[in-house]
């Protein structure tokens, strides 16, 4: 299944989708684009966690 790239995380459902995509990318052989997407997802998830999960 090909997943659409994620550019923002605003809801818990968005976060779950991003996490699933992150895990999917981690399990596969990565192209340069995949590595860039992993980095972007990591940043977006961290931003969401700080705003919504009680982190500082």
PDB file of N, CA and C in Angstrom:
ATOM      1  N   UNK A   1       0.836  -1.177   0.000  1.00  0.00           N
ATOM      2  CA  UNK A   1       0.000   0.000   0.000  1.00  0.00           C
ATOM      3  C   UNK A   1       0.885   1.245   0.000  1.00  0.00           C
ATOM      4  N   UNK A   2       0.620   2.158  -0.901  1.00  0.00           N
ATOM      5  CA  UNK A   2       1.371   3.403  -0.974  1.00  0.00           C
ATOM      6  C   UNK A   2       0.641   4.439  -0.131  1.00  0.00           C
ATOM      7  N   UNK A   3       1.364   5.021   0.807  1.00  0.00           N
ATOM      8  CA  UNK A   3       0.760   6.024   1.676  1.00  0.00           C
ATOM      9  C   UNK A   3       1.119   7.409   1.173  1.00  0.00           C
ATOM     10  N   UNK A   4       0.177   8.326   1.351  1.00  0.00           N
ATOM     11  CA  UNK A   4       0.410   9.719   0.987  1.00  0.00           C
ATOM     12  C   UNK A   4       1.368  10.342   1.990  1.00  0.00           C
ATOM     13  N   UNK A   5       2.258  11.184   1.508  1.00  0.00           N
ATOM     14  CA  UNK A   5       3.186  11.868   2.411  1.00  0.00           C
ATOM     15  C   UNK A   5       2.412  12.756   3.366  1.00  0.00           C
ATOM     16  N   UNK A   6       2.931  12.849   4.569  1.00  0.00           N
ATOM     17  CA  UNK A   6       2.301  13.623   5.621  1.00  0.00           C
ATOM     18  C   UNK A   6       3.078  14.926   5.800  1.00  0.00           C
ATOM     19  N   UNK A   7       2.353  16.042   5.762  1.00  0.00           N
ATOM     20  CA  UNK A   7       2.991  17.347   5.860  1.00  0.00           C
ATOM     21  C   UNK A   7       2.600  18.117   7.120  1.00  0.00           C
ATOM     22  N   UNK A   8       1.584  17.643   7.828  1.00  0.00           N
ATOM     23  CA  UNK A   8       1.194  18.282   9.074  1.00  0.00           C
ATOM     24  C   UNK A   8       0.526  17.253   9.975  1.00  0.00           C
ATOM     25  N   UNK A   9       0.645  17.492  11.269  1.00  0.00           N
ATOM     26  CA  UNK A   9       0.013  16.628  12.259  1.00  0.00           C
ATOM     27  C   UNK A   9      -0.766  17.544  13.186  1.00  0.00           C
ATOM     28  N   UNK A  10      -2.094  17.441  13.120  1.00  0.00           N
ATOM     29  CA  UNK A  10      -2.941  18.302  13.939  1.00  0.00           C
ATOM     30  C   UNK A  10      -3.805  17.520  14.920  1.00  0.00           C
ATOM     31  N   UNK A  11      -4.070  16.256  14.636  1.00  0.00           N
ATOM     32  CA  UNK A  11      -4.957  15.456  15.476  1.00  0.00           C
ATOM     33  C   UNK A  11      -4.262  14.172  15.895  1.00  0.00           C
ATOM     34  N   UNK A  12      -4.864  13.490  16.861  1.00  0.00           N
ATOM     35  CA  UNK A  12      -4.341  12.196  17.297  1.00  0.00           C
ATOM     36  C   UNK A  12      -4.332  11.206  16.130  1.00  0.00           C
ATOM     37  N   UNK A  13      -5.348  11.261  15.282  1.00  0.00           N
ATOM     38  CA  UNK A  13      -5.402  10.382  14.113  1.00  0.00           C
ATOM     39  C   UNK A  13      -4.267  10.700  13.138  1.00  0.00           C
ATOM     40  N   UNK A  14      -3.987  11.974  12.921  1.00  0.00           N
ATOM     41  CA  UNK A  14      -2.853  12.370  12.072  1.00  0.00           C
ATOM     42  C   UNK A  14      -1.556  11.795  12.641  1.00  0.00           C
ATOM     43  N   UNK A  15      -1.426  11.892  13.969  1.00  0.00           N
ATOM     44  CA  UNK A  15      -0.218  11.391  14.640  1.00  0.00           C
ATOM     45  C   UNK A  15      -0.067   9.884  14.428  1.00  0.00           C
ATOM     46  N   UNK A  16      -1.157   9.152  14.588  1.00  0.00           N
ATOM     47  CA  UNK A  16      -1.108   7.692  14.372  1.00  0.00           C
ATOM     48  C   UNK A  16      -0.707   7.355  12.936  1.00  0.00           C
ATOM     49  N   UNK A  17      -1.263   8.086  11.983  1.00  0.00           N
ATOM     50  CA  UNK A  17      -0.911   7.863  10.580  1.00  0.00           C
ATOM     51  C   UNK A  17       0.568   8.147  10.341  1.00  0.00           C
ATOM     52  N   UNK A  18       1.068   9.219  10.933  1.00  0.00           N
ATOM     53  CA  UNK A  18       2.486   9.559  10.790  1.00  0.00           C
ATOM     54  C   UNK A  18       3.361   8.484  11.414  1.00  0.00           C
ATOM     55  N   UNK A  19       2.973   8.003  12.589  1.00  0.00           N
ATOM     56  CA  UNK A  19       3.734   6.955  13.257  1.00  0.00           C
ATOM     57  C   UNK A  19       3.751   5.673  12.434  1.00  0.00           C
ATOM     58  N   UNK A  20       2.619   5.301  11.876  1.00  0.00           N
ATOM     59  CA  UNK A  20       2.563   4.113  11.014  1.00  0.00           C
ATOM     60  C   UNK A  20       3.451   4.280   9.785  1.00  0.00           C
ATOM     61  N   UNK A  21       3.434   5.459   9.192  1.00  0.00           N
ATOM     62  CA  UNK A  21       4.284   5.728   8.025  1.00  0.00           C
ATOM     63  C   UNK A  21       5.762   5.668   8.414  1.00  0.00           C
ATOM     64  N   UNK A  22       6.096   6.243   9.576  1.00  0.00           N
ATOM     65  CA  UNK A  22       7.462   6.228  10.075  1.00  0.00           C
ATOM     66  C   UNK A  22       7.949   4.787  10.241  1.00  0.00           C
ATOM     67  N   UNK A  23       7.129   3.953  10.856  1.00  0.00           N
ATOM     68  CA  UNK A  23       7.484   2.546  11.061  1.00  0.00           C
ATOM     69  C   UNK A  23       7.645   1.832   9.726  1.00  0.00           C
ATOM     70  N   UNK A  24       6.739   2.092   8.794  1.00  0.00           N
ATOM     71  CA  UNK A  24       6.820   1.488   7.463  1.00  0.00           C
ATOM     72  C   UNK A  24       8.142   1.848   6.785  1.00  0.00           C
ATOM     73  N   UNK A  25       8.516   3.109   6.857  1.00  0.00           N
ATOM     74  CA  UNK A  25       9.769   3.552   6.236  1.00  0.00           C
ATOM     75  C   UNK A  25      10.983   2.932   6.925  1.00  0.00           C
ATOM     76  N   UNK A  26      10.920   2.783   8.238  1.00  0.00           N
ATOM     77  CA  UNK A  26      12.046   2.198   8.980  1.00  0.00           C
ATOM     78  C   UNK A  26      12.301   0.745   8.584  1.00  0.00           C
ATOM     79  N   UNK A  27      11.259   0.040   8.184  1.00  0.00           N
ATOM     80  CA  UNK A  27      11.376  -1.383   7.857  1.00  0.00           C
ATOM     81  C   UNK A  27      11.884  -1.628   6.437  1.00  0.00           C
ATOM     82  N   UNK A  28      11.885  -0.605   5.600  1.00  0.00           N
ATOM     83  CA  UNK A  28      12.238  -0.802   4.188  1.00  0.00           C
ATOM     84  C   UNK A  28      13.634  -0.272   3.889  1.00  0.00           C
ATOM     85  N   UNK A  29      14.132  -0.679   2.733  1.00  0.00           N
ATOM     86  CA  UNK A  29      15.383  -0.101   2.240  1.00  0.00           C
ATOM     87  C   UNK A  29      15.066   1.331   1.827  1.00  0.00           C
ATOM     88  N   UNK A  30      15.904   2.278   2.215  1.00  0.00           N
ATOM     89  CA  UNK A  30      15.566   3.674   2.062  1.00  0.00           C
ATOM     90  C   UNK A  30      16.301   4.375   0.919  1.00  0.00           C
ATOM     91  N   UNK A  31      15.527   5.122   0.156  1.00  0.00           N
ATOM     92  CA  UNK A  31      16.094   6.013  -0.853  1.00  0.00           C
ATOM     93  C   UNK A  31      16.389   7.347  -0.167  1.00  0.00           C
ATOM     94  N   UNK A  32      17.020   8.248  -0.881  1.00  0.00           N
ATOM     95  CA  UNK A  32      17.271   9.580  -0.334  1.00  0.00           C
ATOM     96  C   UNK A  32      15.960  10.278   0.027  1.00  0.00           C
ATOM     97  N   UNK A  33      14.937  10.106  -0.807  1.00  0.00           N
ATOM     98  CA  UNK A  33      13.631  10.711  -0.525  1.00  0.00           C
ATOM     99  C   UNK A  33      13.019  10.124   0.747  1.00  0.00           C
ATOM    100  N   UNK A  34      13.179   8.830   0.945  1.00  0.00           N
ATOM    101  CA  UNK A  34      12.662   8.191   2.158  1.00  0.00           C
ATOM    102  C   UNK A  34      13.357   8.732   3.405  1.00  0.00           C
ATOM    103  N   UNK A  35      14.640   8.946   3.322  1.00  0.00           N
ATOM    104  CA  UNK A  35      15.395   9.490   4.456  1.00  0.00           C
ATOM    105  C   UNK A  35      14.930  10.909   4.765  1.00  0.00           C
ATOM    106  N   UNK A  36      14.687  11.697   3.743  1.00  0.00           N
ATOM    107  CA  UNK A  36      14.162  13.052   3.948  1.00  0.00           C
ATOM    108  C   UNK A  36      12.775  12.997   4.589  1.00  0.00           C
ATOM    109  N   UNK A  37      11.946  12.063   4.129  1.00  0.00           N
ATOM    110  CA  UNK A  37      10.604  11.917   4.692  1.00  0.00           C
ATOM    111  C   UNK A  37      10.677  11.482   6.154  1.00  0.00           C
ATOM    112  N   UNK A  38      11.578  10.558   6.475  1.00  0.00           N
ATOM    113  CA  UNK A  38      11.762  10.139   7.868  1.00  0.00           C
ATOM    114  C   UNK A  38      12.139  11.315   8.750  1.00  0.00           C
ATOM    115  N   UNK A  39      13.025  12.143   8.279  1.00  0.00           N
ATOM    116  CA  UNK A  39      13.453  13.311   9.035  1.00  0.00           C
ATOM    117  C   UNK A  39      12.289  14.280   9.249  1.00  0.00           C
ATOM    118  N   UNK A  40      11.521  14.519   8.203  1.00  0.00           N
ATOM    119  CA  UNK A  40      10.380  15.408   8.302  1.00  0.00           C
ATOM    120  C   UNK A  40       9.341  14.851   9.273  1.00  0.00           C
ATOM    121  N   UNK A  41       9.037  13.554   9.158  1.00  0.00           N
ATOM    122  CA  UNK A  41       8.070  12.933  10.060  1.00  0.00           C
ATOM    123  C   UNK A  41       8.533  13.019  11.506  1.00  0.00           C
ATOM    124  N   UNK A  42       9.796  12.775  11.722  1.00  0.00           N
ATOM    125  CA  UNK A  42      10.348  12.856  13.069  1.00  0.00           C
ATOM    126  C   UNK A  42      10.142  14.252  13.656  1.00  0.00           C
ATOM    127  N   UNK A  43      10.421  15.266  12.876  1.00  0.00           N
ATOM    128  CA  UNK A  43      10.240  16.647  13.331  1.00  0.00           C
ATOM    129  C   UNK A  43       8.775  16.961  13.605  1.00  0.00           C
ATOM    130  N   UNK A  44       7.900  16.538  12.697  1.00  0.00           N
ATOM    131  CA  UNK A  44       6.471  16.796  12.875  1.00  0.00           C
ATOM    132  C   UNK A  44       5.924  16.078  14.107  1.00  0.00           C
ATOM    133  N   UNK A  45       6.337  14.828  14.308  1.00  0.00           N
ATOM    134  CA  UNK A  45       5.861  14.068  15.462  1.00  0.00           C
ATOM    135  C   UNK A  45       6.374  14.681  16.758  1.00  0.00           C
ATOM    136  N   UNK A  46       7.619  15.103  16.772  1.00  0.00           N
ATOM    137  CA  UNK A  46       8.180  15.740  17.967  1.00  0.00           C
ATOM    138  C   UNK A  46       7.419  17.027  18.290  1.00  0.00           C
ATOM    139  N   UNK A  47       7.130  17.826  17.278  1.00  0.00           N
ATOM    140  CA  UNK A  47       6.379  19.071  17.478  1.00  0.00           C
ATOM    141  C   UNK A  47       4.997  18.759  18.060  1.00  0.00           C
ATOM    142  N   UNK A  48       4.313  17.756  17.504  1.00  0.00           N
ATOM    143  CA  UNK A  48       2.994  17.376  18.001  1.00  0.00           C
ATOM    144  C   UNK A  48       3.080  16.890  19.442  1.00  0.00           C
ATOM    145  N   UNK A  49       4.068  16.039  19.738  1.00  0.00           N
ATOM    146  CA  UNK A  49       4.220  15.511  21.099  1.00  0.00           C
ATOM    147  C   UNK A  49       4.463  16.623  22.109  1.00  0.00           C
ATOM    148  N   UNK A  50       5.300  17.586  21.768  1.00  0.00           N
ATOM    149  CA  UNK A  50       5.568  18.701  22.682  1.00  0.00           C
ATOM    150  C   UNK A  50       4.310  19.511  22.960  1.00  0.00           C
ATOM    151  N   UNK A  51       3.494  19.689  21.945  1.00  0.00           N
ATOM    152  CA  UNK A  51       2.281  20.505  22.096  1.00  0.00           C
ATOM    153  C   UNK A  51       1.143  19.751  22.771  1.00  0.00           C
ATOM    154  N   UNK A  52       1.122  18.424  22.646  1.00  0.00           N
ATOM    155  CA  UNK A  52      -0.055  17.679  23.068  1.00  0.00           C
ATOM    156  C   UNK A  52       0.171  16.561  24.081  1.00  0.00           C
ATOM    157  N   UNK A  53       1.388  16.263  24.399  1.00  0.00           N
ATOM    158  CA  UNK A  53       1.651  15.118  25.262  1.00  0.00           C
ATOM    159  C   UNK A  53       2.349  15.512  26.566  1.00  0.00           C
ATOM    160  N   UNK A  54       2.252  16.756  26.946  1.00  0.00           N
ATOM    161  CA  UNK A  54       2.811  17.200  28.210  1.00  0.00           C
ATOM    162  C   UNK A  54       4.305  17.329  28.248  1.00  0.00           C
ATOM    163  N   UNK A  55       4.971  17.238  27.091  1.00  0.00           N
ATOM    164  CA  UNK A  55       6.420  17.386  27.040  1.00  0.00           C
ATOM    165  C   UNK A  55       6.825  18.846  27.123  1.00  0.00           C
ATOM    166  N   UNK A  56       8.095  19.052  27.356  1.00  0.00           N
ATOM    167  CA  UNK A  56       8.570  20.440  27.428  1.00  0.00           C
ATOM    168  C   UNK A  56       9.412  20.783  26.220  1.00  0.00           C
TER     169      UNK A  56
END
